[in-house]
Amino acid sequence: MRFWRIGACALLSSFAAQAEAVSTIYAKVGAWEISAEPPRCIMQGFFGAKDGKKVDGLTILYAADKEGVLLVWSNNWMTYLPTKGELEVGLVFGKDGTSVDTSWGSSQLRYEKVGNDYLFSRPFKDAMEAEKFLRDLAESQVMGLTLGGTLLASFKLNASEAITKLRECSLSGSSVR
């Protein structure tokens, strides 16, 4: 648990000091950028609305040696929330455009406002749970986040190759290739 608190704090700090982050680009795959931040690797993708005002980001922190994953969802539009708290958010995946996998259910996500963005984090600490999350992310076309029965955000993933690169980065000790 301590690793995830430290990892979440480090990740949140890296968002706050974007220009000062000590990371090296490992790979770019489609909309995803994989960075080496020893001893972990991070995969990030940003998704904007057509009007350009609403921006969401997905960040996946993966540490193969810890067999865990930290998902961070960021957005600049949930301005009605207090600066810190928890929110019950559901996680769903879609694979063929019509079927939706809701087996992840909902969980309390801690969030904090950093600058103009709200950062929500969900750790997957169990090795099997982390593996299943990465597999679902790689195999699904769409991921959605829900609040109650309402869809808050959805993302076209196209993440299969990016997940492969994320694993490769983490397993290689985060060295740049």
Protein backbone atom coordinates (compact mmCIF):
# COMPACT_ATOMS: atom_id res chain seq x y z
CA MET A 1 0.00 0.00 0.00
CA ARG A 2 2.86 2.36 0.82
CA PHE A 3 4.27 1.91 -2.72
CA TRP A 4 0.97 3.06 -4.23
CA ARG A 5 0.69 6.11 -1.99
CA ILE A 6 4.24 7.08 -2.88
CA GLY A 7 3.60 6.28 -6.56
CA ALA A 8 0.38 8.29 -6.61
CA CYS A 9 2.05 11.23 -4.86
CA ALA A 10 4.99 11.09 -7.25
CA LEU A 11 2.68 10.92 -10.24
CA LEU A 12 0.54 13.79 -8.97
CA SER A 13 3.68 15.80 -8.34
CA SER A 14 4.90 15.11 -11.85
CA PHE A 15 1.66 16.52 -13.23
CA ALA A 16 2.08 19.62 -11.10
CA ALA A 17 5.63 20.16 -12.31
CA GLN A 18 5.23 18.98 -15.90
CA ALA A 19 8.15 20.96 -17.21
CA GLU A 20 10.46 19.69 -14.50
CA ALA A 21 9.56 16.00 -14.72
CA VAL A 22 12.60 13.75 -15.12
CA SER A 23 11.35 11.31 -17.70
CA THR A 24 12.56 9.95 -20.97
CA ILE A 25 10.32 9.13 -23.90
CA TYR A 26 10.49 5.37 -24.40
CA ALA A 27 8.00 5.07 -27.27
CA LYS A 28 5.08 6.77 -29.00
CA VAL A 29 2.29 4.54 -30.21
CA GLY A 30 -0.72 6.26 -31.78
CA ALA A 31 -2.15 8.68 -29.21
CA TRP A 32 -0.12 7.08 -26.41
CA GLU A 33 3.27 8.15 -25.10
CA ILE A 34 5.29 5.74 -22.97
CA SER A 35 7.86 7.33 -20.65
CA ALA A 36 10.54 5.79 -18.52
CA GLU A 37 10.61 7.19 -15.01
CA PRO A 38 12.90 4.72 -13.27
CA PRO A 39 12.06 2.34 -11.78
CA ARG A 40 8.60 2.59 -13.41
CA CYS A 41 7.13 3.25 -16.80
CA ILE A 42 4.18 5.48 -17.57
CA MET A 43 1.74 5.42 -20.48
CA GLN A 44 -0.25 8.60 -21.18
CA GLY A 45 -2.94 9.59 -23.62
CA PHE A 46 -4.97 12.81 -23.78
CA PHE A 47 -8.43 13.12 -25.27
CA GLY A 48 -10.07 16.43 -26.11
CA ALA A 49 -13.65 17.33 -26.92
CA LYS A 50 -14.39 18.72 -30.36
CA ASP A 51 -14.71 22.23 -28.90
CA GLY A 52 -11.21 21.92 -27.42
CA LYS A 53 -12.35 23.06 -23.98
CA LYS A 54 -12.79 19.73 -22.21
CA VAL A 55 -9.65 17.61 -21.94
CA ASP A 56 -9.34 14.20 -20.31
CA GLY A 57 -6.17 12.24 -19.78
CA LEU A 58 -5.44 8.64 -18.94
CA THR A 59 -2.16 7.76 -17.28
CA ILE A 60 -1.12 4.22 -16.46
CA LEU A 61 1.83 3.78 -14.11
CA TYR A 62 3.22 0.25 -14.36
CA ALA A 63 5.90 -1.34 -12.24
CA ALA A 64 6.57 -4.93 -13.32
CA ASP A 65 8.75 -5.56 -10.27
CA LYS A 66 5.83 -4.62 -7.96
CA GLU A 67 3.26 -6.38 -10.20
CA GLY A 68 0.95 -3.40 -9.89
CA VAL A 69 -0.73 -0.68 -11.89
CA LEU A 70 -1.95 2.78 -11.00
CA LEU A 71 -4.63 4.34 -13.20
CA VAL A 72 -4.91 8.12 -13.12
CA TRP A 73 -7.74 9.88 -14.90
CA SER A 74 -7.34 13.62 -15.26
CA ASN A 75 -9.79 16.22 -16.50
CA ASN A 76 -10.19 19.97 -16.56
CA TRP A 77 -13.97 20.11 -16.49
CA MET A 78 -15.23 18.75 -13.14
CA THR A 79 -14.97 22.21 -11.59
CA TYR A 80 -18.00 21.60 -9.35
CA LEU A 81 -15.96 19.26 -7.12
CA PRO A 82 -14.10 20.32 -3.97
CA THR A 83 -10.30 20.42 -4.33
CA LYS A 84 -9.86 17.00 -2.61
CA GLY A 85 -12.04 14.03 -1.93
CA GLU A 86 -13.30 10.67 -3.08
CA LEU A 87 -15.85 9.80 -5.73
CA GLU A 88 -17.49 6.45 -6.50
CA VAL A 89 -16.57 5.86 -10.15
CA GLY A 90 -17.35 2.83 -12.30
CA LEU A 91 -15.03 1.36 -14.90
CA VAL A 92 -16.41 -0.23 -18.08
CA PHE A 93 -14.84 -1.61 -21.25
CA GLY A 94 -16.31 -2.07 -24.73
CA LYS A 95 -14.88 -4.53 -27.23
CA ASP A 96 -17.03 -4.63 -30.33
CA GLY A 97 -19.02 -1.42 -30.30
CA THR A 98 -22.15 -3.00 -28.84
CA SER A 99 -21.19 -5.10 -25.82
CA VAL A 100 -20.04 -3.51 -22.59
CA ASP A 101 -18.09 -5.28 -19.85
CA THR A 102 -19.14 -3.83 -16.49
CA SER A 103 -17.40 -6.52 -14.41
CA TRP A 104 -15.02 -3.97 -12.85
CA GLY A 105 -17.90 -2.33 -11.03
CA SER A 106 -17.39 0.86 -9.04
CA SER A 107 -14.81 1.89 -6.50
CA GLN A 108 -13.88 4.96 -4.51
CA LEU A 109 -11.33 7.00 -6.41
CA ARG A 110 -9.36 9.57 -4.50
CA TYR A 111 -8.97 12.83 -6.32
CA GLU A 112 -7.16 16.09 -5.95
CA LYS A 113 -7.18 19.32 -7.91
CA VAL A 114 -3.70 20.18 -9.18
CA GLY A 115 -3.58 23.45 -11.09
CA ASN A 116 -6.67 23.44 -13.30
CA ASP A 117 -6.94 19.64 -13.47
CA TYR A 118 -8.65 17.07 -11.30
CA LEU A 119 -6.61 13.89 -10.89
CA PHE A 120 -8.41 10.68 -9.91
CA SER A 121 -6.38 7.61 -8.99
CA ARG A 122 -7.20 3.94 -8.74
CA PRO A 123 -4.50 1.43 -7.77
CA PHE A 124 -4.57 -2.19 -8.90
CA LYS A 125 -2.33 -3.71 -6.23
CA ASP A 126 -3.04 -7.38 -6.66
CA ALA A 127 -0.92 -8.94 -9.44
CA MET A 128 -3.88 -10.78 -11.00
CA GLU A 129 -6.08 -7.68 -10.89
CA ALA A 130 -3.32 -5.55 -12.43
CA GLU A 131 -2.78 -8.10 -15.19
CA LYS A 132 -6.52 -8.27 -15.92
CA PHE A 133 -6.73 -4.47 -16.10
CA LEU A 134 -3.81 -4.25 -18.56
CA ARG A 135 -5.31 -7.07 -20.64
CA ASP A 136 -8.75 -5.38 -20.74
CA LEU A 137 -7.11 -2.09 -21.67
CA ALA A 138 -5.17 -3.76 -24.50
CA GLU A 139 -8.08 -5.81 -25.85
CA SER A 140 -10.86 -3.22 -25.62
CA GLN A 141 -11.77 -0.56 -28.13
CA VAL A 142 -13.34 1.78 -25.59
CA MET A 143 -13.04 2.47 -21.86
CA GLY A 144 -15.66 4.40 -19.95
CA LEU A 145 -15.92 5.95 -16.51
CA THR A 146 -19.35 6.17 -14.92
CA LEU A 147 -20.96 7.91 -11.99
CA GLY A 148 -24.02 5.94 -10.95
CA GLY A 149 -25.62 5.02 -14.26
CA THR A 150 -24.27 8.09 -16.06
CA LEU A 151 -21.30 7.96 -18.40
CA LEU A 152 -18.80 10.64 -17.31
CA ALA A 153 -16.13 10.03 -19.93
CA SER A 154 -15.24 7.53 -22.61
CA PHE A 155 -12.01 6.95 -24.49
CA LYS A 156 -11.22 5.25 -27.79
CA LEU A 157 -8.24 3.24 -26.67
CA ASN A 158 -6.38 1.59 -29.55
CA ALA A 159 -3.91 0.61 -26.83
CA SER A 160 -2.80 -2.93 -27.64
CA GLU A 161 0.63 -2.02 -29.01
CA ALA A 162 1.07 0.71 -26.38
CA ILE A 163 0.48 -1.83 -23.57
CA THR A 164 3.08 -4.11 -25.18
CA LYS A 165 5.58 -1.21 -25.17
CA LEU A 166 4.65 -0.30 -21.57
CA ARG A 167 5.39 -3.87 -20.43
CA GLU A 168 8.62 -3.92 -22.43
CA CYS A 169 9.71 -0.63 -20.90
CA SER A 170 9.02 -1.79 -17.35
CA LEU A 171 10.59 -5.22 -17.82
CA SER A 172 13.73 -3.69 -19.34
CA GLY A 173 14.40 -1.69 -16.19
CA SER A 174 13.08 1.49 -17.82
CA SER A 175 16.07 1.93 -20.08
CA VAL A 176 15.47 3.92 -23.22
CA ARG A 177 15.76 2.14 -26.54
